[in-house]
Amino acid sequence: MDEYPMADESYARESLVAALRDRGISYLAPSDAVARKMPESHEQLLRALLLQDDSRLRLAIVPLLLRHPGISASVPHLAASLDDVALLDLQTLYMAAVYLQRNWRSRLSIYLDDMTLLPDLFSHHMGLPLPDERFGKTGLVELADAWQARSQYPFERLQALNNTIELFFGQLKLEKSNRSHAPEM
């Protein structure tokens, strides 16, 4: 399993879905989730998502970083507090966001006001290509291959990342459509 024993606090799935929805990540069900106890800081939210058994919640770190690149400022401090397994998962998901942002930069800019590029925090340490190499494609494939190689589960990591970004694009497209069809007041 992908559990980390370092959890100070655990949050119910519904609380994390609500926290993500409050931060503009709404493609996860249930959409009517109500938070009983929510992480107060970006760092707490990232940690809580890393600790989840639900892979969709862990993968939600990627669109969260894409929608709010400023959250990347919390990543080094969080990384310093994690055990080796959790650190590698954080690095993997963070770099996935970096590579996907470079790869889908034009499409993301259609929907997102803040297109600040996520800084490359871990490619050198992880032995991965620079994010701008082939618009992030090379790094994304190598990252997914390394992630798959160290996993005990037969789960296609590259496809999971591509599915996550497509769900996020679906959400962004719906948001834009709803804004353009909203009546003028």
N, C-alpha and C. Protein backbone atom coordinates (compact mmCIF):
# COMPACT_ATOMS: atom_id res chain seq x y z
N MET A 1 0.84 -1.19 0.00
CA MET A 1 0.00 0.00 0.00
C MET A 1 0.87 1.24 0.00
N ASP A 2 0.27 2.35 -0.34
CA ASP A 2 0.99 3.62 -0.40
C ASP A 2 0.70 4.46 0.82
N GLU A 3 0.79 3.89 2.01
CA GLU A 3 0.50 4.65 3.22
C GLU A 3 1.80 5.13 3.85
N TYR A 4 1.72 6.25 4.54
CA TYR A 4 2.88 6.83 5.21
C TYR A 4 2.57 6.94 6.69
N PRO A 5 3.40 6.37 7.54
CA PRO A 5 3.13 6.39 8.97
C PRO A 5 3.33 7.74 9.63
N MET A 6 3.80 8.75 8.90
CA MET A 6 4.15 10.04 9.50
C MET A 6 2.96 10.97 9.70
N ALA A 7 1.77 10.53 9.42
CA ALA A 7 0.62 11.43 9.48
C ALA A 7 0.37 11.94 10.88
N ASP A 8 0.40 13.26 11.03
CA ASP A 8 0.03 13.87 12.29
C ASP A 8 -1.49 13.84 12.42
N GLU A 9 -2.16 14.19 11.34
CA GLU A 9 -3.61 14.24 11.31
C GLU A 9 -4.08 13.55 10.05
N SER A 10 -5.21 12.90 10.14
CA SER A 10 -5.80 12.35 8.93
C SER A 10 -7.10 13.11 8.66
N TYR A 11 -7.41 13.21 7.41
CA TYR A 11 -8.60 13.93 6.99
C TYR A 11 -9.50 12.97 6.23
N ALA A 12 -10.79 13.09 6.43
CA ALA A 12 -11.74 12.27 5.70
C ALA A 12 -11.66 12.62 4.22
N ARG A 13 -11.93 11.64 3.39
CA ARG A 13 -11.90 11.85 1.95
C ARG A 13 -12.79 13.03 1.56
N GLU A 14 -13.98 13.09 2.13
CA GLU A 14 -14.92 14.17 1.80
C GLU A 14 -14.35 15.54 2.15
N SER A 15 -13.61 15.62 3.24
CA SER A 15 -13.00 16.89 3.63
C SER A 15 -11.94 17.31 2.63
N LEU A 16 -11.17 16.35 2.13
CA LEU A 16 -10.14 16.68 1.15
C LEU A 16 -10.76 17.06 -0.20
N VAL A 17 -11.82 16.36 -0.59
CA VAL A 17 -12.52 16.72 -1.82
C VAL A 17 -13.07 18.14 -1.70
N ALA A 18 -13.64 18.47 -0.55
CA ALA A 18 -14.16 19.82 -0.32
C ALA A 18 -13.03 20.85 -0.34
N ALA A 19 -11.90 20.52 0.27
CA ALA A 19 -10.76 21.45 0.28
C ALA A 19 -10.25 21.67 -1.14
N LEU A 20 -10.20 20.62 -1.93
CA LEU A 20 -9.79 20.76 -3.33
C LEU A 20 -10.80 21.60 -4.11
N ARG A 21 -12.08 21.33 -3.88
CA ARG A 21 -13.12 22.11 -4.57
C ARG A 21 -13.00 23.59 -4.23
N ASP A 22 -12.73 23.88 -2.95
CA ASP A 22 -12.55 25.28 -2.54
C ASP A 22 -11.36 25.93 -3.22
N ARG A 23 -10.43 25.12 -3.69
CA ARG A 23 -9.24 25.63 -4.37
C ARG A 23 -9.34 25.48 -5.89
N GLY A 24 -10.56 25.18 -6.37
CA GLY A 24 -10.79 25.16 -7.81
C GLY A 24 -10.56 23.83 -8.49
N ILE A 25 -10.47 22.75 -7.74
CA ILE A 25 -10.33 21.41 -8.33
C ILE A 25 -11.62 20.67 -8.01
N SER A 26 -12.53 20.65 -8.99
CA SER A 26 -13.88 20.15 -8.69
C SER A 26 -14.28 18.90 -9.47
N TYR A 27 -13.36 18.28 -10.19
CA TYR A 27 -13.74 17.12 -10.99
C TYR A 27 -13.88 15.83 -10.17
N LEU A 28 -13.48 15.85 -8.91
CA LEU A 28 -13.60 14.66 -8.06
C LEU A 28 -14.99 14.56 -7.47
N ALA A 29 -15.54 13.36 -7.42
CA ALA A 29 -16.85 13.14 -6.77
C ALA A 29 -16.60 12.79 -5.32
N PRO A 30 -17.47 13.04 -4.41
CA PRO A 30 -18.77 13.66 -4.59
C PRO A 30 -18.66 15.18 -4.63
N SER A 31 -19.44 15.78 -5.49
CA SER A 31 -19.37 17.23 -5.65
C SER A 31 -20.04 17.98 -4.50
N ASP A 32 -20.82 17.27 -3.70
CA ASP A 32 -21.49 17.92 -2.58
C ASP A 32 -20.77 17.65 -1.26
N ALA A 33 -19.50 17.29 -1.34
CA ALA A 33 -18.73 16.98 -0.14
C ALA A 33 -18.69 18.19 0.80
N VAL A 34 -18.82 17.89 2.06
CA VAL A 34 -18.77 18.92 3.10
C VAL A 34 -17.59 18.60 4.01
N ALA A 35 -16.80 19.59 4.28
CA ALA A 35 -15.62 19.37 5.11
C ALA A 35 -15.99 19.37 6.58
N ARG A 36 -15.55 18.34 7.26
CA ARG A 36 -15.69 18.33 8.71
C ARG A 36 -14.46 18.98 9.34
N LYS A 37 -13.32 18.64 8.80
CA LYS A 37 -12.05 19.20 9.25
C LYS A 37 -11.19 19.32 8.01
N MET A 38 -10.72 20.55 7.72
CA MET A 38 -9.96 20.77 6.50
C MET A 38 -8.54 21.20 6.82
N PRO A 39 -7.61 20.83 5.95
CA PRO A 39 -6.24 21.33 6.10
C PRO A 39 -6.25 22.85 5.97
N GLU A 40 -5.51 23.51 6.84
CA GLU A 40 -5.51 24.97 6.86
C GLU A 40 -4.50 25.58 5.90
N SER A 41 -3.41 24.91 5.66
CA SER A 41 -2.36 25.47 4.80
C SER A 41 -2.19 24.61 3.56
N HIS A 42 -1.50 25.17 2.56
CA HIS A 42 -1.18 24.41 1.35
C HIS A 42 -0.33 23.19 1.71
N GLU A 43 0.61 23.39 2.60
CA GLU A 43 1.49 22.29 3.01
C GLU A 43 0.69 21.17 3.67
N GLN A 44 -0.25 21.52 4.53
CA GLN A 44 -1.09 20.50 5.17
C GLN A 44 -1.94 19.76 4.14
N LEU A 45 -2.46 20.50 3.16
CA LEU A 45 -3.27 19.86 2.13
C LEU A 45 -2.42 18.90 1.30
N LEU A 46 -1.25 19.35 0.88
CA LEU A 46 -0.37 18.47 0.10
C LEU A 46 -0.02 17.21 0.89
N ARG A 47 0.32 17.38 2.15
CA ARG A 47 0.65 16.22 3.00
C ARG A 47 -0.55 15.28 3.12
N ALA A 48 -1.72 15.84 3.38
CA ALA A 48 -2.92 15.02 3.53
C ALA A 48 -3.24 14.26 2.25
N LEU A 49 -3.07 14.90 1.10
CA LEU A 49 -3.30 14.22 -0.17
C LEU A 49 -2.30 13.09 -0.38
N LEU A 50 -1.05 13.34 -0.04
CA LEU A 50 -0.02 12.29 -0.16
C LEU A 50 -0.36 11.07 0.68
N LEU A 51 -1.01 11.28 1.81
CA LEU A 51 -1.30 10.20 2.75
C LEU A 51 -2.53 9.39 2.39
N GLN A 52 -3.24 9.79 1.37
CA GLN A 52 -4.49 9.12 1.01
C GLN A 52 -4.25 7.77 0.34
N ASP A 53 -5.13 6.82 0.65
CA ASP A 53 -5.11 5.53 -0.04
C ASP A 53 -5.65 5.67 -1.46
N ASP A 54 -6.55 6.61 -1.66
CA ASP A 54 -7.21 6.83 -2.95
C ASP A 54 -6.23 7.50 -3.92
N SER A 55 -5.84 6.77 -4.96
CA SER A 55 -4.86 7.31 -5.90
C SER A 55 -5.37 8.55 -6.62
N ARG A 56 -6.68 8.67 -6.82
CA ARG A 56 -7.23 9.86 -7.49
C ARG A 56 -7.01 11.11 -6.65
N LEU A 57 -7.08 10.95 -5.34
CA LEU A 57 -6.80 12.10 -4.47
C LEU A 57 -5.32 12.45 -4.50
N ARG A 58 -4.46 11.45 -4.49
CA ARG A 58 -3.02 11.74 -4.59
C ARG A 58 -2.71 12.43 -5.91
N LEU A 59 -3.30 11.92 -6.99
CA LEU A 59 -3.06 12.52 -8.31
C LEU A 59 -3.62 13.93 -8.41
N ALA A 60 -4.58 14.29 -7.57
CA ALA A 60 -5.15 15.65 -7.60
C ALA A 60 -4.12 16.71 -7.22
N ILE A 61 -2.99 16.28 -6.68
CA ILE A 61 -1.89 17.22 -6.43
C ILE A 61 -1.46 17.89 -7.73
N VAL A 62 -1.50 17.14 -8.82
CA VAL A 62 -1.05 17.67 -10.12
C VAL A 62 -1.91 18.85 -10.57
N PRO A 63 -3.22 18.70 -10.73
CA PRO A 63 -4.01 19.87 -11.15
C PRO A 63 -4.03 20.99 -10.10
N LEU A 64 -3.90 20.63 -8.83
CA LEU A 64 -3.84 21.67 -7.79
C LEU A 64 -2.63 22.57 -8.04
N LEU A 65 -1.50 21.98 -8.34
CA LEU A 65 -0.29 22.77 -8.63
C LEU A 65 -0.43 23.54 -9.95
N LEU A 66 -1.09 22.95 -10.93
CA LEU A 66 -1.28 23.64 -12.20
C LEU A 66 -2.19 24.85 -12.03
N ARG A 67 -3.24 24.71 -11.25
CA ARG A 67 -4.18 25.81 -11.04
C ARG A 67 -3.58 26.88 -10.14
N HIS A 68 -2.76 26.48 -9.19
CA HIS A 68 -2.18 27.41 -8.22
C HIS A 68 -0.66 27.20 -8.14
N PRO A 69 0.08 27.68 -9.14
CA PRO A 69 1.52 27.45 -9.13
C PRO A 69 2.23 28.03 -7.91
N GLY A 70 1.63 29.00 -7.26
CA GLY A 70 2.23 29.57 -6.05
C GLY A 70 2.37 28.58 -4.92
N ILE A 71 1.57 27.51 -4.96
CA ILE A 71 1.67 26.47 -3.94
C ILE A 71 3.04 25.81 -3.96
N SER A 72 3.73 25.91 -5.09
CA SER A 72 5.06 25.30 -5.19
C SER A 72 6.02 25.84 -4.13
N ALA A 73 5.75 27.03 -3.61
CA ALA A 73 6.60 27.60 -2.56
C ALA A 73 6.54 26.76 -1.28
N SER A 74 5.47 26.00 -1.08
CA SER A 74 5.32 25.15 0.10
C SER A 74 6.05 23.82 -0.05
N VAL A 75 6.40 23.46 -1.26
CA VAL A 75 6.93 22.12 -1.52
C VAL A 75 8.29 21.86 -0.87
N PRO A 76 9.27 22.76 -0.95
CA PRO A 76 10.56 22.44 -0.32
C PRO A 76 10.47 22.21 1.19
N HIS A 77 9.68 23.02 1.88
CA HIS A 77 9.53 22.84 3.33
C HIS A 77 8.86 21.50 3.63
N LEU A 78 7.81 21.18 2.88
CA LEU A 78 7.14 19.90 3.06
C LEU A 78 8.11 18.75 2.76
N ALA A 79 8.85 18.86 1.68
CA ALA A 79 9.79 17.80 1.30
C ALA A 79 10.79 17.51 2.41
N ALA A 80 11.24 18.54 3.09
CA ALA A 80 12.22 18.36 4.16
C ALA A 80 11.66 17.60 5.35
N SER A 81 10.33 17.52 5.46
CA SER A 81 9.71 16.87 6.62
C SER A 81 9.23 15.45 6.33
N LEU A 82 9.41 14.97 5.11
CA LEU A 82 8.87 13.67 4.72
C LEU A 82 9.90 12.55 4.84
N ASP A 83 9.40 11.33 5.03
CA ASP A 83 10.29 10.17 4.97
C ASP A 83 10.62 9.91 3.50
N ASP A 84 11.53 8.99 3.24
CA ASP A 84 12.02 8.77 1.88
C ASP A 84 10.92 8.35 0.90
N VAL A 85 10.02 7.49 1.33
CA VAL A 85 8.96 7.01 0.45
C VAL A 85 8.01 8.15 0.08
N ALA A 86 7.56 8.88 1.07
CA ALA A 86 6.64 10.00 0.83
C ALA A 86 7.33 11.10 0.02
N LEU A 87 8.61 11.33 0.29
CA LEU A 87 9.36 12.34 -0.46
C LEU A 87 9.41 11.98 -1.94
N LEU A 88 9.68 10.73 -2.24
CA LEU A 88 9.74 10.32 -3.64
C LEU A 88 8.37 10.48 -4.32
N ASP A 89 7.31 10.17 -3.61
CA ASP A 89 5.97 10.38 -4.18
C ASP A 89 5.68 11.86 -4.41
N LEU A 90 6.06 12.70 -3.46
CA LEU A 90 5.88 14.14 -3.64
C LEU A 90 6.69 14.63 -4.84
N GLN A 91 7.94 14.23 -4.91
CA GLN A 91 8.79 14.64 -6.03
C GLN A 91 8.20 14.18 -7.36
N THR A 92 7.69 12.96 -7.39
CA THR A 92 7.11 12.40 -8.61
C THR A 92 5.88 13.20 -9.05
N LEU A 93 4.98 13.44 -8.14
CA LEU A 93 3.76 14.18 -8.49
C LEU A 93 4.06 15.64 -8.82
N TYR A 94 5.00 16.22 -8.11
CA TYR A 94 5.38 17.60 -8.40
C TYR A 94 5.98 17.70 -9.81
N MET A 95 6.92 16.80 -10.12
CA MET A 95 7.55 16.84 -11.44
C MET A 95 6.55 16.49 -12.54
N ALA A 96 5.58 15.65 -12.24
CA ALA A 96 4.52 15.38 -13.22
C ALA A 96 3.79 16.68 -13.56
N ALA A 97 3.49 17.47 -12.54
CA ALA A 97 2.83 18.76 -12.77
C ALA A 97 3.72 19.68 -13.60
N VAL A 98 5.01 19.70 -13.30
CA VAL A 98 5.95 20.55 -14.05
C VAL A 98 5.97 20.14 -15.52
N TYR A 99 6.13 18.85 -15.78
CA TYR A 99 6.20 18.37 -17.16
C TYR A 99 4.88 18.56 -17.90
N LEU A 100 3.77 18.27 -17.24
CA LEU A 100 2.46 18.47 -17.89
C LEU A 100 2.20 19.94 -18.17
N GLN A 101 2.63 20.82 -17.28
CA GLN A 101 2.45 22.25 -17.51
C GLN A 101 3.22 22.69 -18.75
N ARG A 102 4.45 22.21 -18.90
CA ARG A 102 5.24 22.58 -20.09
C ARG A 102 4.60 21.99 -21.35
N ASN A 103 4.13 20.75 -21.24
CA ASN A 103 3.56 20.07 -22.39
C ASN A 103 2.24 20.70 -22.85
N TRP A 104 1.43 21.15 -21.91
CA TRP A 104 0.10 21.68 -22.21
C TRP A 104 0.01 23.19 -21.96
N ARG A 105 1.11 23.86 -22.02
CA ARG A 105 1.16 25.29 -21.70
C ARG A 105 0.17 26.12 -22.51
N SER A 106 0.11 25.90 -23.81
CA SER A 106 -0.80 26.69 -24.66
C SER A 106 -2.25 26.44 -24.29
N ARG A 107 -2.60 25.19 -24.12
CA ARG A 107 -3.99 24.85 -23.79
C ARG A 107 -4.36 25.35 -22.39
N LEU A 108 -3.46 25.21 -21.44
CA LEU A 108 -3.73 25.71 -20.09
C LEU A 108 -3.95 27.22 -20.08
N SER A 109 -3.19 27.93 -20.92
CA SER A 109 -3.29 29.39 -20.93
C SER A 109 -4.66 29.87 -21.42
N ILE A 110 -5.39 29.04 -22.13
CA ILE A 110 -6.74 29.39 -22.56
C ILE A 110 -7.67 29.52 -21.36
N TYR A 111 -7.42 28.69 -20.35
CA TYR A 111 -8.34 28.58 -19.22
C TYR A 111 -7.86 29.23 -17.93
N LEU A 112 -6.57 29.30 -17.74
CA LEU A 112 -6.03 29.77 -16.46
C LEU A 112 -5.43 31.15 -16.58
N ASP A 113 -5.78 32.01 -15.65
CA ASP A 113 -5.22 33.36 -15.64
C ASP A 113 -3.76 33.35 -15.21
N ASP A 114 -3.43 32.54 -14.22
CA ASP A 114 -2.07 32.49 -13.69
C ASP A 114 -1.31 31.36 -14.36
N MET A 115 -0.46 31.72 -15.30
CA MET A 115 0.35 30.71 -15.99
C MET A 115 1.82 30.81 -15.58
N THR A 116 2.05 31.14 -14.32
CA THR A 116 3.41 31.14 -13.81
C THR A 116 3.95 29.73 -13.91
N LEU A 117 5.13 29.60 -14.49
CA LEU A 117 5.71 28.26 -14.63
C LEU A 117 6.15 27.73 -13.28
N LEU A 118 5.82 26.48 -13.04
CA LEU A 118 6.29 25.81 -11.82
C LEU A 118 7.80 25.67 -11.91
N PRO A 119 8.52 25.99 -10.84
CA PRO A 119 9.97 25.83 -10.89
C PRO A 119 10.36 24.35 -10.89
N ASP A 120 11.45 24.07 -11.54
CA ASP A 120 11.99 22.71 -11.58
C ASP A 120 12.75 22.48 -10.28
N LEU A 121 12.13 21.79 -9.35
CA LEU A 121 12.74 21.57 -8.04
C LEU A 121 13.49 20.25 -7.94
N PHE A 122 13.12 19.26 -8.77
CA PHE A 122 13.62 17.91 -8.50
C PHE A 122 14.21 17.16 -9.69
N SER A 123 14.18 17.68 -10.90
CA SER A 123 14.62 16.88 -12.05
C SER A 123 16.07 16.45 -11.91
N HIS A 124 16.94 17.34 -11.48
CA HIS A 124 18.35 16.99 -11.34
C HIS A 124 18.53 15.89 -10.30
N HIS A 125 17.91 16.06 -9.15
CA HIS A 125 18.01 15.08 -8.07
C HIS A 125 17.46 13.72 -8.49
N MET A 126 16.41 13.72 -9.30
CA MET A 126 15.78 12.47 -9.73
C MET A 126 16.41 11.90 -11.00
N GLY A 127 17.38 12.62 -11.58
CA GLY A 127 18.02 12.15 -12.80
C GLY A 127 17.12 12.21 -14.02
N LEU A 128 16.26 13.21 -14.06
CA LEU A 128 15.29 13.36 -15.15
C LEU A 128 15.69 14.50 -16.08
N PRO A 129 15.17 14.50 -17.30
CA PRO A 129 15.44 15.60 -18.23
C PRO A 129 14.88 16.92 -17.72
N LEU A 130 15.43 18.00 -18.22
CA LEU A 130 14.92 19.33 -17.89
C LEU A 130 13.50 19.47 -18.43
N PRO A 131 12.67 20.25 -17.76
CA PRO A 131 11.26 20.37 -18.16
C PRO A 131 11.03 20.92 -19.57
N ASP A 132 11.93 21.72 -20.07
CA ASP A 132 11.71 22.32 -21.39
C ASP A 132 12.15 21.42 -22.54
N GLU A 133 12.78 20.30 -22.23
CA GLU A 133 13.19 19.38 -23.28
C GLU A 133 11.96 18.75 -23.92
N ARG A 134 11.81 19.00 -25.21
CA ARG A 134 10.65 18.52 -25.97
C ARG A 134 9.33 18.85 -25.28
N PHE A 135 9.26 20.06 -24.75
CA PHE A 135 8.04 20.57 -24.10
C PHE A 135 7.55 19.67 -22.97
N GLY A 136 8.49 19.07 -22.26
CA GLY A 136 8.15 18.24 -21.11
C GLY A 136 7.83 16.79 -21.42
N LYS A 137 7.70 16.45 -22.70
CA LYS A 137 7.30 15.09 -23.06
C LYS A 137 8.34 14.05 -22.64
N THR A 138 9.59 14.33 -22.90
CA THR A 138 10.65 13.38 -22.56
C THR A 138 10.67 13.12 -21.06
N GLY A 139 10.63 14.18 -20.29
CA GLY A 139 10.65 14.04 -18.84
C GLY A 139 9.43 13.31 -18.31
N LEU A 140 8.27 13.60 -18.87
CA LEU A 140 7.04 12.95 -18.41
C LEU A 140 7.10 11.44 -18.63
N VAL A 141 7.57 11.03 -19.79
CA VAL A 141 7.67 9.60 -20.09
C VAL A 141 8.69 8.94 -19.18
N GLU A 142 9.86 9.56 -19.00
CA GLU A 142 10.87 8.97 -18.11
C GLU A 142 10.39 8.92 -16.66
N LEU A 143 9.71 9.96 -16.23
CA LEU A 143 9.16 9.99 -14.88
C LEU A 143 8.15 8.85 -14.68
N ALA A 144 7.23 8.70 -15.63
CA ALA A 144 6.21 7.65 -15.53
C ALA A 144 6.85 6.26 -15.57
N ASP A 145 7.87 6.08 -16.40
CA ASP A 145 8.56 4.78 -16.45
C ASP A 145 9.23 4.46 -15.12
N ALA A 146 9.90 5.44 -14.53
CA ALA A 146 10.57 5.22 -13.24
C ALA A 146 9.54 4.94 -12.15
N TRP A 147 8.44 5.65 -12.18
CA TRP A 147 7.37 5.45 -11.20
C TRP A 147 6.79 4.05 -11.33
N GLN A 148 6.57 3.62 -12.58
CA GLN A 148 6.03 2.28 -12.83
C GLN A 148 7.01 1.21 -12.37
N ALA A 149 8.30 1.42 -12.64
CA ALA A 149 9.32 0.42 -12.29
C ALA A 149 9.41 0.19 -10.78
N ARG A 150 9.17 1.20 -9.99
CA ARG A 150 9.28 1.03 -8.53
C ARG A 150 7.95 0.63 -7.88
N SER A 151 6.90 0.52 -8.68
CA SER A 151 5.58 0.18 -8.14
C SER A 151 5.36 -1.32 -8.13
N GLN A 152 4.67 -1.77 -7.10
CA GLN A 152 4.31 -3.19 -7.04
C GLN A 152 2.97 -3.46 -7.71
N TYR A 153 2.31 -2.41 -8.19
CA TYR A 153 0.99 -2.55 -8.79
C TYR A 153 1.06 -2.39 -10.31
N PRO A 154 0.32 -3.22 -11.06
CA PRO A 154 0.30 -3.09 -12.52
C PRO A 154 -0.64 -1.97 -12.94
N PHE A 155 -0.17 -0.76 -12.80
CA PHE A 155 -0.99 0.43 -12.99
C PHE A 155 -0.23 1.34 -13.94
N GLU A 156 -0.79 1.64 -15.08
CA GLU A 156 -0.12 2.43 -16.10
C GLU A 156 -0.03 3.89 -15.67
N ARG A 157 1.15 4.28 -15.20
CA ARG A 157 1.33 5.62 -14.61
C ARG A 157 1.18 6.75 -15.63
N LEU A 158 1.74 6.58 -16.81
CA LEU A 158 1.63 7.64 -17.82
C LEU A 158 0.16 7.85 -18.19
N GLN A 159 -0.57 6.77 -18.35
CA GLN A 159 -2.00 6.89 -18.67
C GLN A 159 -2.75 7.56 -17.53
N ALA A 160 -2.41 7.24 -16.29
CA ALA A 160 -3.06 7.87 -15.13
C ALA A 160 -2.83 9.38 -15.14
N LEU A 161 -1.61 9.80 -15.45
CA LEU A 161 -1.30 11.23 -15.51
C LEU A 161 -2.06 11.91 -16.65
N ASN A 162 -2.09 11.25 -17.80
CA ASN A 162 -2.83 11.81 -18.94
C ASN A 162 -4.33 11.87 -18.65
N ASN A 163 -4.86 10.85 -17.99
CA ASN A 163 -6.29 10.88 -17.61
C ASN A 163 -6.57 12.02 -16.65
N THR A 164 -5.67 12.24 -15.71
CA THR A 164 -5.84 13.31 -14.72
C THR A 164 -5.88 14.67 -15.40
N ILE A 165 -4.96 14.91 -16.32
CA ILE A 165 -4.94 16.21 -16.99
C ILE A 165 -6.17 16.37 -17.88
N GLU A 166 -6.65 15.29 -18.48
CA GLU A 166 -7.86 15.39 -19.31
C GLU A 166 -9.09 15.68 -18.46
N LEU A 167 -9.18 15.07 -17.28
CA LEU A 167 -10.28 15.40 -16.37
C LEU A 167 -10.23 16.88 -15.97
N PHE A 168 -9.02 17.37 -15.72
CA PHE A 168 -8.86 18.77 -15.35
C PHE A 168 -9.25 19.67 -16.52
N PHE A 169 -8.84 19.32 -17.73
CA PHE A 169 -9.24 20.12 -18.90
C PHE A 169 -10.76 20.10 -19.08
N GLY A 170 -11.38 18.95 -18.84
CA GLY A 170 -12.84 18.88 -18.92
C GLY A 170 -13.49 19.84 -17.94
N GLN A 171 -12.95 19.88 -16.73
CA GLN A 171 -13.46 20.81 -15.72
C GLN A 171 -13.27 22.25 -16.17
N LEU A 172 -12.07 22.58 -16.66
CA LEU A 172 -11.79 23.95 -17.09
C LEU A 172 -12.68 24.36 -18.26
N LYS A 173 -12.89 23.44 -19.18
CA LYS A 173 -13.75 23.72 -20.34
C LYS A 173 -15.18 23.99 -19.89
N LEU A 174 -15.67 23.19 -18.96
CA LEU A 174 -17.02 23.40 -18.42
C LEU A 174 -17.13 24.74 -17.70
N GLU A 175 -16.11 25.08 -16.92
CA GLU A 175 -16.11 26.38 -16.22
C GLU A 175 -16.17 27.53 -17.21
N LYS A 176 -15.38 27.43 -18.28
CA LYS A 176 -15.36 28.50 -19.27
C LYS A 176 -16.70 28.59 -19.99
N SER A 177 -17.28 27.45 -20.31
CA SER A 177 -18.58 27.43 -20.96
C SER A 177 -19.66 28.03 -20.07
N ASN A 178 -19.63 27.71 -18.80
CA ASN A 178 -20.61 28.25 -17.85
C ASN A 178 -20.47 29.76 -17.72
N ARG A 179 -19.24 30.27 -17.73
CA ARG A 179 -19.03 31.72 -17.66
C ARG A 179 -19.54 32.41 -18.91
N SER A 180 -19.32 31.80 -20.07
CA SER A 180 -19.73 32.45 -21.31
C SER A 180 -21.25 32.41 -21.52
N HIS A 181 -21.93 31.48 -20.84
CA HIS A 181 -23.38 31.39 -20.96
C HIS A 181 -24.12 32.00 -19.77
N ALA A 182 -23.38 32.58 -18.87
CA ALA A 182 -24.01 33.20 -17.69
C ALA A 182 -24.71 34.49 -18.12
N PRO A 183 -25.90 34.72 -17.61
CA PRO A 183 -26.61 35.95 -17.98
C PRO A 183 -25.92 37.18 -17.39
N GLU A 184 -25.96 38.26 -18.13
CA GLU A 184 -25.40 39.53 -17.66
C GLU A 184 -26.34 40.12 -16.62
N MET A 185 -25.80 40.68 -15.57
CA MET A 185 -26.61 41.30 -14.52
C MET A 185 -26.39 42.78 -14.52
